[in-house]
Amino acid sequence: MTPIARRGVLAAPAALGLASAAGRPAAAAAPPVGRQVAGLYRTRVGDIEVTCVADGTIALPAALFGEANQADARRVLAENFIDAATPVPCAVNTFLVNSGGRLALIDAGSGAWLGPTMGQLAPNLAAMGVTPAEIDVVILTHLHRDHAGGLLDRENRPLFPRAEIVVPEAEAAFWMDEGNSGRVPQGSRGGFPYAAQVAAAYRDRLRRVPGGREVAPGVTSIDAFGHTPGHTIYRIASGNAQLLVFGDMVHVPVLQSRFPGWGIAFDVDAATAAATRRRVFDMAVADRLLVAGMHLDFPGLARMRRAGEGFEFVAAPWQAVL
């Protein structure tokens, strides 16, 4: 096709539009909405229904992964079309598990504590017709504010009026003892008074659970210490189907999959966190597990494969029918 002919073809729809509009008013364009639709996505694990419920996004500077790693970080981010000159968007997900006639929420999001791009758990639950009062149990991976901040309002009142709160035993023992404050970075020390406020607000509804226990129908805890002293992941199983909800194994997926030895400034024990990350990644690859990550890009579902000396995530295909 010659350039003149091609221009004629491209111009034809516009001419047709003008002709069809003759003699009637032009339709007004809908104004931009300016916000995202509800952050919800469902998947099935055997007879169990799991819904990823987004809480929002935070921005993480690449410097959090250590000065020595910055050249590699900039290169890998650029390869993945992420601007390394600005903080990297980091998704924050929670997972609602409908099993055995009960609703269990894994992590509670950030509530009102981390700014306007976060705290979307409650409105997203409302969009699917679920209120906090309908949640039977909230299961925590750990007590960092982007995972547990949604337990309390600004007056430290409980936001889940009847739910049991499951906290990993080692996590509760660490954060509910102010004597451990010298073992964490200065910026993380606010976790100690917050843990005390959670314990006071939920009192008899707070249950400390060691690893290897069923915490809700089909949901079993697995120790994954390092990022925090009691960081815990959860295996959801029904029949032959499994889903591994692996909390904070990664914060920026393209970096910590490629370089599983990289810690982040929030790690209480970076060396243990790196060893745990490799162990969990190896398990996910060997068992061909579907994984769900609190900081994987929404809807947070992927599988893993080895890539050189590291790993890579392969996003799970979108499913229209469960």
C-alpha atoms as a PDB file:
ATOM      1  CA  MET A   1       0.000   0.000   0.000  1.00  0.00           C
ATOM      2  CA  THR A   2       1.375   3.394  -0.966  1.00  0.00           C
ATOM      3  CA  PRO A   3       1.731   6.109   1.732  1.00  0.00           C
ATOM      4  CA  ILE A   4      -1.071   8.107   0.075  1.00  0.00           C
ATOM      5  CA  ALA A   5      -3.402   5.101  -0.014  1.00  0.00           C
ATOM      6  CA  ARG A   6      -2.583   4.217   3.616  1.00  0.00           C
ATOM      7  CA  ARG A   7      -3.374   7.783   4.703  1.00  0.00           C
ATOM      8  CA  GLY A   8      -6.669   7.479   2.896  1.00  0.00           C
ATOM      9  CA  VAL A   9      -7.576   4.284   4.752  1.00  0.00           C
ATOM     10  CA  LEU A  10      -6.671   5.858   8.096  1.00  0.00           C
ATOM     11  CA  ALA A  11      -8.718   8.939   7.326  1.00  0.00           C
ATOM     12  CA  ALA A  12     -11.801   6.963   6.310  1.00  0.00           C
ATOM     13  CA  PRO A  13     -13.088   6.175   9.837  1.00  0.00           C
ATOM     14  CA  ALA A  14     -12.914   9.844  10.767  1.00  0.00           C
ATOM     15  CA  ALA A  15     -14.877  10.802   7.678  1.00  0.00           C
ATOM     16  CA  LEU A  16     -17.461   8.113   8.396  1.00  0.00           C
ATOM     17  CA  GLY A  17     -17.771   9.385  11.975  1.00  0.00           C
ATOM     18  CA  LEU A  18     -18.473  12.886  10.785  1.00  0.00           C
ATOM     19  CA  ALA A  19     -21.056  11.635   8.336  1.00  0.00           C
ATOM     20  CA  SER A  20     -22.858   9.485  10.921  1.00  0.00           C
ATOM     21  CA  ALA A  21     -22.977  12.370  13.368  1.00  0.00           C
ATOM     22  CA  ALA A  22     -24.699  14.682  10.883  1.00  0.00           C
ATOM     23  CA  GLY A  23     -28.164  15.661  11.940  1.00  0.00           C
ATOM     24  CA  ARG A  24     -27.882  14.568  15.629  1.00  0.00           C
ATOM     25  CA  PRO A  25     -26.080  15.936  18.693  1.00  0.00           C
ATOM     26  CA  ALA A  26     -22.595  14.605  19.374  1.00  0.00           C
ATOM     27  CA  ALA A  27     -22.397  12.278  22.371  1.00  0.00           C
ATOM     28  CA  ALA A  28     -20.598  13.800  25.374  1.00  0.00           C
ATOM     29  CA  ALA A  29     -17.522  11.914  26.538  1.00  0.00           C
ATOM     30  CA  ALA A  30     -17.695  10.458  30.050  1.00  0.00           C
ATOM     31  CA  PRO A  31     -15.379  12.316  32.446  1.00  0.00           C
ATOM     32  CA  PRO A  32     -12.324  10.416  33.699  1.00  0.00           C
ATOM     33  CA  VAL A  33     -12.970   8.681  37.017  1.00  0.00           C
ATOM     34  CA  GLY A  34      -9.436   9.164  38.308  1.00  0.00           C
ATOM     35  CA  ARG A  35      -9.285   6.111  40.539  1.00  0.00           C
ATOM     36  CA  GLN A  36      -8.938   2.368  40.133  1.00  0.00           C
ATOM     37  CA  VAL A  37     -11.777  -0.156  40.221  1.00  0.00           C
ATOM     38  CA  ALA A  38     -12.044  -2.447  43.244  1.00  0.00           C
ATOM     39  CA  GLY A  39      -8.867  -4.476  43.775  1.00  0.00           C
ATOM     40  CA  LEU A  40     -10.339  -7.984  43.954  1.00  0.00           C
ATOM     41  CA  TYR A  41      -9.446 -11.263  42.266  1.00  0.00           C
ATOM     42  CA  ARG A  42     -10.650 -14.776  43.092  1.00  0.00           C
ATOM     43  CA  THR A  43      -9.022 -18.147  42.593  1.00  0.00           C
ATOM     44  CA  ARG A  44      -9.857 -21.657  43.747  1.00  0.00           C
ATOM     45  CA  VAL A  45      -7.707 -24.097  45.683  1.00  0.00           C
ATOM     46  CA  GLY A  46      -9.707 -27.320  45.453  1.00  0.00           C
ATOM     47  CA  ASP A  47     -12.914 -26.596  47.388  1.00  0.00           C
ATOM     48  CA  ILE A  48     -11.488 -23.423  48.958  1.00  0.00           C
ATOM     49  CA  GLU A  49     -12.089 -20.000  47.457  1.00  0.00           C
ATOM     50  CA  VAL A  50      -9.309 -17.433  47.918  1.00  0.00           C
ATOM     51  CA  THR A  51      -9.741 -13.756  47.046  1.00  0.00           C
ATOM     52  CA  CYS A  52      -6.826 -11.376  46.722  1.00  0.00           C
ATOM     53  CA  VAL A  53      -7.984  -8.097  48.304  1.00  0.00           C
ATOM     54  CA  ALA A  54      -5.651  -5.206  47.554  1.00  0.00           C
ATOM     55  CA  ASP A  55      -4.762  -2.732  50.293  1.00  0.00           C
ATOM     56  CA  GLY A  56      -2.930  -0.361  47.950  1.00  0.00           C
ATOM     57  CA  THR A  57       0.668   0.421  47.055  1.00  0.00           C
ATOM     58  CA  ILE A  58       3.678   1.927  48.765  1.00  0.00           C
ATOM     59  CA  ALA A  59       6.881   3.216  47.168  1.00  0.00           C
ATOM     60  CA  LEU A  60      10.254   1.722  48.104  1.00  0.00           C
ATOM     61  CA  PRO A  61      13.593   3.346  47.228  1.00  0.00           C
ATOM     62  CA  ALA A  62      16.006   0.880  45.653  1.00  0.00           C
ATOM     63  CA  ALA A  63      18.570   2.031  48.245  1.00  0.00           C
ATOM     64  CA  LEU A  64      16.736  -0.133  50.803  1.00  0.00           C
ATOM     65  CA  PHE A  65      18.503  -3.127  49.228  1.00  0.00           C
ATOM     66  CA  GLY A  66      21.965  -1.851  50.137  1.00  0.00           C
ATOM     67  CA  GLU A  67      24.440   0.557  48.584  1.00  0.00           C
ATOM     68  CA  ALA A  68      26.635  -2.266  47.285  1.00  0.00           C
ATOM     69  CA  ASN A  69      23.746  -3.561  45.156  1.00  0.00           C
ATOM     70  CA  GLN A  70      22.657  -0.311  43.532  1.00  0.00           C
ATOM     71  CA  ALA A  71      24.300  -0.800  40.122  1.00  0.00           C
ATOM     72  CA  ASP A  72      22.679  -4.225  39.720  1.00  0.00           C
ATOM     73  CA  ALA A  73      19.378  -2.883  41.048  1.00  0.00           C
ATOM     74  CA  ARG A  74      19.293  -0.060  38.499  1.00  0.00           C
ATOM     75  CA  ARG A  75      20.154  -2.449  35.671  1.00  0.00           C
ATOM     76  CA  VAL A  76      17.499  -5.048  36.545  1.00  0.00           C
ATOM     77  CA  LEU A  77      14.827  -2.432  37.164  1.00  0.00           C
ATOM     78  CA  ALA A  78      15.553  -0.843  33.781  1.00  0.00           C
ATOM     79  CA  GLU A  79      15.352  -4.279  32.107  1.00  0.00           C
ATOM     80  CA  ASN A  80      11.857  -4.591  33.603  1.00  0.00           C
ATOM     81  CA  PHE A  81      10.737  -1.104  32.479  1.00  0.00           C
ATOM     82  CA  ILE A  82      10.817   0.279  36.032  1.00  0.00           C
ATOM     83  CA  ASP A  83      12.268   3.756  36.573  1.00  0.00           C
ATOM     84  CA  ALA A  84      15.134   3.278  39.016  1.00  0.00           C
ATOM     85  CA  ALA A  85      15.433   7.034  39.549  1.00  0.00           C
ATOM     86  CA  THR A  86      12.221   7.117  41.594  1.00  0.00           C
ATOM     87  CA  PRO A  87      10.901   4.914  44.413  1.00  0.00           C
ATOM     88  CA  VAL A  88       9.591   1.605  43.100  1.00  0.00           C
ATOM     89  CA  PRO A  89       5.842   0.894  43.477  1.00  0.00           C
ATOM     90  CA  CYS A  90       5.246  -2.033  45.816  1.00  0.00           C
ATOM     91  CA  ALA A  91       1.852  -3.751  45.952  1.00  0.00           C
ATOM     92  CA  VAL A  92       0.326  -4.637  49.312  1.00  0.00           C
ATOM     93  CA  ASN A  93      -2.111  -7.568  49.166  1.00  0.00           C
ATOM     94  CA  THR A  94      -4.231  -9.485  51.636  1.00  0.00           C
ATOM     95  CA  PHE A  95      -5.984 -12.804  51.014  1.00  0.00           C
ATOM     96  CA  LEU A  96      -9.512 -13.720  52.055  1.00  0.00           C
ATOM     97  CA  VAL A  97      -9.959 -17.474  52.482  1.00  0.00           C
ATOM     98  CA  ASN A  98     -13.472 -18.966  52.372  1.00  0.00           C
ATOM     99  CA  SER A  99     -13.233 -22.512  53.725  1.00  0.00           C
ATOM    100  CA  GLY A 100     -15.179 -24.768  56.036  1.00  0.00           C
ATOM    101  CA  GLY A 101     -17.971 -22.225  56.366  1.00  0.00           C
ATOM    102  CA  ARG A 102     -15.578 -19.611  57.803  1.00  0.00           C
ATOM    103  CA  LEU A 103     -13.963 -16.433  56.462  1.00  0.00           C
ATOM    104  CA  ALA A 104     -10.273 -16.101  57.275  1.00  0.00           C
ATOM    105  CA  LEU A 105      -8.296 -13.016  56.271  1.00  0.00           C
ATOM    106  CA  ILE A 106      -4.540 -13.450  55.899  1.00  0.00           C
ATOM    107  CA  ASP A 107      -3.041 -10.091  56.931  1.00  0.00           C
ATOM    108  CA  ALA A 108      -5.047  -6.968  57.666  1.00  0.00           C
ATOM    109  CA  GLY A 109      -3.428  -4.321  55.487  1.00  0.00           C
ATOM    110  CA  SER A 110      -2.262  -0.960  56.791  1.00  0.00           C
ATOM    111  CA  GLY A 111      -5.448   0.766  57.940  1.00  0.00           C
ATOM    112  CA  ALA A 112      -5.024   4.535  58.283  1.00  0.00           C
ATOM    113  CA  TRP A 113      -1.320   4.435  59.096  1.00  0.00           C
ATOM    114  CA  LEU A 114       0.605   4.563  55.803  1.00  0.00           C
ATOM    115  CA  GLY A 115      -0.863   7.326  53.664  1.00  0.00           C
ATOM    116  CA  PRO A 116      -3.405   7.912  50.895  1.00  0.00           C
ATOM    117  CA  THR A 117      -2.237   5.179  48.508  1.00  0.00           C
ATOM    118  CA  MET A 118      -2.863   2.534  51.165  1.00  0.00           C
ATOM    119  CA  GLY A 119      -5.712   1.499  53.476  1.00  0.00           C
ATOM    120  CA  GLN A 120      -7.969   0.146  50.715  1.00  0.00           C
ATOM    121  CA  LEU A 121      -8.783  -3.183  52.380  1.00  0.00           C
ATOM    122  CA  ALA A 122     -12.094  -2.092  53.938  1.00  0.00           C
ATOM    123  CA  PRO A 123     -13.556  -0.463  50.789  1.00  0.00           C
ATOM    124  CA  ASN A 124     -12.429  -3.394  48.654  1.00  0.00           C
ATOM    125  CA  LEU A 125     -14.048  -5.863  51.061  1.00  0.00           C
ATOM    126  CA  ALA A 126     -17.203  -3.733  50.928  1.00  0.00           C
ATOM    127  CA  ALA A 127     -17.175  -3.942  47.129  1.00  0.00           C
ATOM    128  CA  MET A 128     -17.508  -7.729  47.420  1.00  0.00           C
ATOM    129  CA  GLY A 129     -20.213  -7.436  50.086  1.00  0.00           C
ATOM    130  CA  VAL A 130     -18.071  -8.363  53.093  1.00  0.00           C
ATOM    131  CA  THR A 131     -17.812  -6.318  56.282  1.00  0.00           C
ATOM    132  CA  PRO A 132     -15.089  -6.615  58.958  1.00  0.00           C
ATOM    133  CA  ALA A 133     -17.779  -7.979  61.291  1.00  0.00           C
ATOM    134  CA  GLU A 134     -18.152 -11.035  59.024  1.00  0.00           C
ATOM    135  CA  ILE A 135     -14.495 -12.041  59.311  1.00  0.00           C
ATOM    136  CA  ASP A 136     -14.093 -15.028  61.650  1.00  0.00           C
ATOM    137  CA  VAL A 137     -10.313 -14.978  61.966  1.00  0.00           C
ATOM    138  CA  VAL A 138      -7.464 -12.662  60.939  1.00  0.00           C
ATOM    139  CA  ILE A 139      -4.226 -14.582  60.392  1.00  0.00           C
ATOM    140  CA  LEU A 140      -1.022 -12.538  60.455  1.00  0.00           C
ATOM    141  CA  THR A 141       2.216 -13.306  58.633  1.00  0.00           C
ATOM    142  CA  HIS A 142       3.969 -10.825  60.932  1.00  0.00           C
ATOM    143  CA  LEU A 143       3.351  -7.602  62.840  1.00  0.00           C
ATOM    144  CA  HIS A 144       4.783  -4.951  60.494  1.00  0.00           C
ATOM    145  CA  ARG A 145       2.395  -2.036  60.020  1.00  0.00           C
ATOM    146  CA  ASP A 146       1.627  -2.751  56.346  1.00  0.00           C
ATOM    147  CA  HIS A 147       0.353  -6.196  57.394  1.00  0.00           C
ATOM    148  CA  ALA A 148      -1.194  -5.545  60.807  1.00  0.00           C
ATOM    149  CA  GLY A 149      -1.973  -1.814  60.800  1.00  0.00           C
ATOM    150  CA  GLY A 150      -5.523  -2.545  59.678  1.00  0.00           C
ATOM    151  CA  LEU A 151      -6.318  -4.220  63.010  1.00  0.00           C
ATOM    152  CA  LEU A 152      -6.795  -0.884  64.817  1.00  0.00           C
ATOM    153  CA  ASP A 153      -8.269   2.528  64.097  1.00  0.00           C
ATOM    154  CA  ARG A 154      -6.589   5.816  65.048  1.00  0.00           C
ATOM    155  CA  GLU A 155      -8.022   5.550  68.574  1.00  0.00           C
ATOM    156  CA  ASN A 156      -6.544   2.026  68.920  1.00  0.00           C
ATOM    157  CA  ARG A 157      -9.972   0.413  68.805  1.00  0.00           C
ATOM    158  CA  PRO A 158     -10.345  -2.989  67.125  1.00  0.00           C
ATOM    159  CA  LEU A 159     -11.589  -2.850  63.545  1.00  0.00           C
ATOM    160  CA  PHE A 160     -12.638  -6.505  63.492  1.00  0.00           C
ATOM    161  CA  PRO A 161     -15.391  -6.666  66.132  1.00  0.00           C
ATOM    162  CA  ARG A 162     -15.617 -10.434  66.573  1.00  0.00           C
ATOM    163  CA  ALA A 163     -12.621 -11.986  64.765  1.00  0.00           C
ATOM    164  CA  GLU A 164     -10.003 -14.094  66.478  1.00  0.00           C
ATOM    165  CA  ILE A 165      -6.507 -12.746  65.731  1.00  0.00           C
ATOM    166  CA  VAL A 166      -3.869 -15.402  65.032  1.00  0.00           C
ATOM    167  CA  VAL A 167      -0.301 -14.229  65.643  1.00  0.00           C
ATOM    168  CA  PRO A 168       2.722 -16.512  65.170  1.00  0.00           C
ATOM    169  CA  GLU A 169       4.058 -17.455  68.603  1.00  0.00           C
ATOM    170  CA  ALA A 170       7.630 -16.314  67.931  1.00  0.00           C
ATOM    171  CA  GLU A 171       6.379 -13.038  66.440  1.00  0.00           C
ATOM    172  CA  ALA A 172       4.225 -12.209  69.446  1.00  0.00           C
ATOM    173  CA  ALA A 173       7.004 -13.139  71.872  1.00  0.00           C
ATOM    174  CA  PHE A 174       9.433 -10.772  70.126  1.00  0.00           C
ATOM    175  CA  TRP A 175       7.309  -7.673  69.508  1.00  0.00           C
ATOM    176  CA  MET A 176       5.447  -7.842  72.790  1.00  0.00           C
ATOM    177  CA  ASP A 177       8.726  -7.638  74.733  1.00  0.00           C
ATOM    178  CA  GLU A 178      10.140  -4.067  74.785  1.00  0.00           C
ATOM    179  CA  GLY A 179      13.482  -5.544  75.830  1.00  0.00           C
ATOM    180  CA  ASN A 180      14.041  -6.554  72.206  1.00  0.00           C
ATOM    181  CA  SER A 181      13.928  -2.983  70.873  1.00  0.00           C
ATOM    182  CA  GLY A 182      17.711  -2.803  70.532  1.00  0.00           C
ATOM    183  CA  ARG A 183      17.637  -5.709  68.059  1.00  0.00           C
ATOM    184  CA  VAL A 184      15.758  -3.858  65.307  1.00  0.00           C
ATOM    185  CA  PRO A 185      16.579  -0.790  63.166  1.00  0.00           C
ATOM    186  CA  GLN A 186      15.613   2.539  64.734  1.00  0.00           C
ATOM    187  CA  GLY A 187      12.823   3.032  62.204  1.00  0.00           C
ATOM    188  CA  SER A 188      11.181  -0.271  63.189  1.00  0.00           C
ATOM    189  CA  ARG A 189      10.995   0.332  66.935  1.00  0.00           C
ATOM    190  CA  GLY A 190       7.469   1.675  66.716  1.00  0.00           C
ATOM    191  CA  GLY A 191       6.450  -1.958  66.252  1.00  0.00           C
ATOM    192  CA  PHE A 192       6.767  -2.603  69.984  1.00  0.00           C
ATOM    193  CA  PRO A 193       4.119  -0.125  71.250  1.00  0.00           C
ATOM    194  CA  TYR A 194       1.876  -1.076  68.338  1.00  0.00           C
ATOM    195  CA  ALA A 195       2.055  -4.773  69.257  1.00  0.00           C
ATOM    196  CA  ALA A 196       1.094  -3.854  72.821  1.00  0.00           C
ATOM    197  CA  GLN A 197      -1.883  -1.868  71.530  1.00  0.00           C
ATOM    198  CA  VAL A 198      -3.038  -4.833  69.415  1.00  0.00           C
ATOM    199  CA  ALA A 199      -2.761  -7.138  72.433  1.00  0.00           C
ATOM    200  CA  ALA A 200      -4.764  -4.715  74.590  1.00  0.00           C
ATOM    201  CA  ALA A 201      -7.471  -4.159  71.958  1.00  0.00           C
ATOM    202  CA  TYR A 202      -8.092  -7.830  71.226  1.00  0.00           C
ATOM    203  CA  ARG A 203      -7.337  -9.320  74.672  1.00  0.00           C
ATOM    204  CA  ASP A 204      -9.003 -12.758  74.839  1.00  0.00           C
ATOM    205  CA  ARG A 205      -9.337 -12.924  71.036  1.00  0.00           C
ATOM    206  CA  LEU A 206      -5.566 -12.964  70.436  1.00  0.00           C
ATOM    207  CA  ARG A 207      -4.230 -16.491  69.817  1.00  0.00           C
ATOM    208  CA  ARG A 208      -0.512 -17.247  69.630  1.00  0.00           C
ATOM    209  CA  VAL A 209       0.191 -20.173  67.316  1.00  0.00           C
ATOM    210  CA  PRO A 210       3.471 -22.047  66.692  1.00  0.00           C
ATOM    211  CA  GLY A 211       4.480 -23.266  63.236  1.00  0.00           C
ATOM    212  CA  GLY A 212       2.959 -26.385  61.762  1.00  0.00           C
ATOM    213  CA  ARG A 213      -0.570 -25.794  63.053  1.00  0.00           C
ATOM    214  CA  GLU A 214      -3.875 -25.601  61.214  1.00  0.00           C
ATOM    215  CA  VAL A 215      -5.099 -22.068  61.909  1.00  0.00           C
ATOM    216  CA  ALA A 216      -8.271 -22.216  59.780  1.00  0.00           C
ATOM    217  CA  PRO A 217      -9.845 -25.029  57.734  1.00  0.00           C
ATOM    218  CA  GLY A 218      -7.224 -26.048  55.176  1.00  0.00           C
ATOM    219  CA  VAL A 219      -4.714 -23.349  56.247  1.00  0.00           C
ATOM    220  CA  THR A 220      -1.478 -24.453  57.953  1.00  0.00           C
ATOM    221  CA  SER A 221       1.308 -22.249  59.336  1.00  0.00           C
ATOM    222  CA  ILE A 222       4.962 -22.709  58.329  1.00  0.00           C
ATOM    223  CA  ASP A 223       7.883 -20.994  60.097  1.00  0.00           C
ATOM    224  CA  ALA A 224       9.753 -18.642  57.728  1.00  0.00           C
ATOM    225  CA  PHE A 225      11.811 -16.586  60.162  1.00  0.00           C
ATOM    226  CA  GLY A 226      14.303 -13.844  59.291  1.00  0.00           C
ATOM    227  CA  HIS A 227      12.429 -10.867  57.910  1.00  0.00           C
ATOM    228  CA  THR A 228      11.011 -10.721  61.426  1.00  0.00           C
ATOM    229  CA  PRO A 229      11.716 -13.187  64.244  1.00  0.00           C
ATOM    230  CA  GLY A 230       8.344 -14.884  63.796  1.00  0.00           C
ATOM    231  CA  HIS A 231       7.606 -14.268  60.110  1.00  0.00           C
ATOM    232  CA  THR A 232       5.250 -17.055  59.030  1.00  0.00           C
ATOM    233  CA  ILE A 233       3.882 -18.294  55.724  1.00  0.00           C
ATOM    234  CA  TYR A 234       0.733 -20.358  55.144  1.00  0.00           C
ATOM    235  CA  ARG A 235      -0.039 -23.378  53.010  1.00  0.00           C
ATOM    236  CA  ILE A 236      -3.650 -23.582  51.808  1.00  0.00           C
ATOM    237  CA  ALA A 237      -4.549 -27.110  50.726  1.00  0.00           C
ATOM    238  CA  SER A 238      -7.684 -28.850  49.494  1.00  0.00           C
ATOM    239  CA  GLY A 239      -7.489 -32.255  47.822  1.00  0.00           C
ATOM    240  CA  ASN A 240      -4.452 -32.177  45.532  1.00  0.00           C
ATOM    241  CA  ALA A 241      -4.514 -28.385  45.138  1.00  0.00           C
ATOM    242  CA  GLN A 242      -2.199 -26.099  47.086  1.00  0.00           C
ATOM    243  CA  LEU A 243      -1.437 -22.390  47.389  1.00  0.00           C
ATOM    244  CA  LEU A 244       1.517 -21.023  49.350  1.00  0.00           C
ATOM    245  CA  VAL A 245       0.834 -17.581  50.833  1.00  0.00           C
ATOM    246  CA  PHE A 246       4.383 -16.460  51.468  1.00  0.00           C
ATOM    247  CA  GLY A 247       4.139 -13.048  53.076  1.00  0.00           C
ATOM    248  CA  ASP A 248       7.279 -10.956  52.707  1.00  0.00           C
ATOM    249  CA  MET A 249       9.542 -13.375  50.879  1.00  0.00           C
ATOM    250  CA  VAL A 250      10.011 -10.474  48.446  1.00  0.00           C
ATOM    251  CA  HIS A 251       9.299  -6.751  48.460  1.00  0.00           C
ATOM    252  CA  VAL A 252      10.391  -5.863  44.916  1.00  0.00           C
ATOM    253  CA  PRO A 253       9.855  -9.145  43.048  1.00  0.00           C
ATOM    254  CA  VAL A 254      12.141  -8.515  40.060  1.00  0.00           C
ATOM    255  CA  LEU A 255      15.070  -7.806  42.395  1.00  0.00           C
ATOM    256  CA  GLN A 256      14.784 -10.415  45.122  1.00  0.00           C
ATOM    257  CA  SER A 257      13.877 -13.203  42.707  1.00  0.00           C
ATOM    258  CA  ARG A 258      16.980 -12.480  40.624  1.00  0.00           C
ATOM    259  CA  PHE A 259      19.084 -11.921  43.762  1.00  0.00           C
ATOM    260  CA  PRO A 260      17.547 -14.030  46.544  1.00  0.00           C
ATOM    261  CA  GLY A 261      20.501 -13.215  48.801  1.00  0.00           C
ATOM    262  CA  TRP A 262      19.510  -9.551  48.954  1.00  0.00           C
ATOM    263  CA  GLY A 263      17.908  -8.401  52.158  1.00  0.00           C
ATOM    264  CA  ILE A 264      15.953  -5.209  52.718  1.00  0.00           C
ATOM    265  CA  ALA A 265      16.517  -2.588  55.398  1.00  0.00           C
ATOM    266  CA  PHE A 266      13.399  -3.782  57.270  1.00  0.00           C
ATOM    267  CA  ASP A 267      14.835  -7.271  57.864  1.00  0.00           C
ATOM    268  CA  VAL A 268      15.528  -8.011  61.523  1.00  0.00           C
ATOM    269  CA  ASP A 269      17.955 -10.788  60.504  1.00  0.00           C
ATOM    270  CA  ALA A 270      18.944 -10.360  56.857  1.00  0.00           C
ATOM    271  CA  ALA A 271      21.114 -13.496  56.670  1.00  0.00           C
ATOM    272  CA  THR A 272      18.358 -15.729  58.042  1.00  0.00           C
ATOM    273  CA  ALA A 273      15.812 -14.019  55.791  1.00  0.00           C
ATOM    274  CA  ALA A 274      17.974 -14.770  52.724  1.00  0.00           C
ATOM    275  CA  ALA A 275      18.397 -18.423  53.703  1.00  0.00           C
ATOM    276  CA  THR A 276      14.648 -18.714  54.279  1.00  0.00           C
ATOM    277  CA  ARG A 277      13.941 -17.081  50.921  1.00  0.00           C
ATOM    278  CA  ARG A 278      16.082 -19.625  49.082  1.00  0.00           C
ATOM    279  CA  ARG A 279      14.479 -22.513  50.977  1.00  0.00           C
ATOM    280  CA  VAL A 280      10.948 -21.303  50.208  1.00  0.00           C
ATOM    281  CA  PHE A 281      11.771 -20.566  46.562  1.00  0.00           C
ATOM    282  CA  ASP A 282      13.339 -24.011  46.171  1.00  0.00           C
ATOM    283  CA  MET A 283      10.189 -25.569  47.646  1.00  0.00           C
ATOM    284  CA  ALA A 284       7.928 -23.563  45.336  1.00  0.00           C
ATOM    285  CA  VAL A 285       9.901 -24.684  42.276  1.00  0.00           C
ATOM    286  CA  ALA A 286      10.296 -28.332  43.319  1.00  0.00           C
ATOM    287  CA  ASP A 287       6.598 -28.729  44.213  1.00  0.00           C
ATOM    288  CA  ARG A 288       5.388 -26.535  41.304  1.00  0.00           C
ATOM    289  CA  LEU A 289       3.363 -24.522  43.794  1.00  0.00           C
ATOM    290  CA  LEU A 290       1.091 -21.632  43.048  1.00  0.00           C
ATOM    291  CA  VAL A 291       2.333 -18.840  45.310  1.00  0.00           C
ATOM    292  CA  ALA A 292       0.611 -15.734  46.643  1.00  0.00           C
ATOM    293  CA  GLY A 293       2.728 -12.804  47.783  1.00  0.00           C
ATOM    294  CA  MET A 294       1.782  -9.771  49.809  1.00  0.00           C
ATOM    295  CA  HIS A 295       4.124  -7.708  47.619  1.00  0.00           C
ATOM    296  CA  LEU A 296       3.731  -9.437  44.270  1.00  0.00           C
ATOM    297  CA  ASP A 297       2.019  -7.244  41.699  1.00  0.00           C
ATOM    298  CA  PHE A 298      -1.769  -7.493  42.100  1.00  0.00           C
ATOM    299  CA  PRO A 299      -3.413  -9.994  42.092  1.00  0.00           C
ATOM    300  CA  GLY A 300      -0.326 -11.485  43.661  1.00  0.00           C
ATOM    301  CA  LEU A 301      -0.477 -14.994  42.149  1.00  0.00           C
ATOM    302  CA  ALA A 302       2.418 -16.648  40.347  1.00  0.00           C
ATOM    303  CA  ARG A 303       4.532 -19.726  39.885  1.00  0.00           C
ATOM    304  CA  MET A 304       8.305 -19.826  40.083  1.00  0.00           C
ATOM    305  CA  ARG A 305      11.139 -21.230  38.025  1.00  0.00           C
ATOM    306  CA  ARG A 306      14.907 -21.095  38.258  1.00  0.00           C
ATOM    307  CA  ALA A 307      16.709 -18.499  36.154  1.00  0.00           C
ATOM    308  CA  GLY A 308      20.500 -18.653  36.205  1.00  0.00           C
ATOM    309  CA  GLU A 309      21.656 -18.376  39.812  1.00  0.00           C
ATOM    310  CA  GLY A 310      18.310 -16.940  40.867  1.00  0.00           C
ATOM    311  CA  PHE A 311      14.631 -17.363  40.155  1.00  0.00           C
ATOM    312  CA  GLU A 312      11.811 -15.649  38.305  1.00  0.00           C
ATOM    313  CA  PHE A 313       8.096 -15.302  38.793  1.00  0.00           C
ATOM    314  CA  VAL A 314       5.626 -16.306  36.090  1.00  0.00           C
ATOM    315  CA  ALA A 315       2.301 -14.578  36.648  1.00  0.00           C
ATOM    316  CA  ALA A 316      -0.641 -16.983  36.914  1.00  0.00           C
ATOM    317  CA  PRO A 317      -3.038 -16.681  33.954  1.00  0.00           C
ATOM    318  CA  TRP A 318      -6.190 -14.665  34.577  1.00  0.00           C
ATOM    319  CA  GLN A 319      -9.231 -16.930  35.027  1.00  0.00           C
ATOM    320  CA  ALA A 320     -12.750 -15.912  34.098  1.00  0.00           C
ATOM    321  CA  VAL A 321     -14.343 -19.050  35.525  1.00  0.00           C
ATOM    322  CA  LEU A 322     -13.345 -20.555  38.863  1.00  0.00           C
END
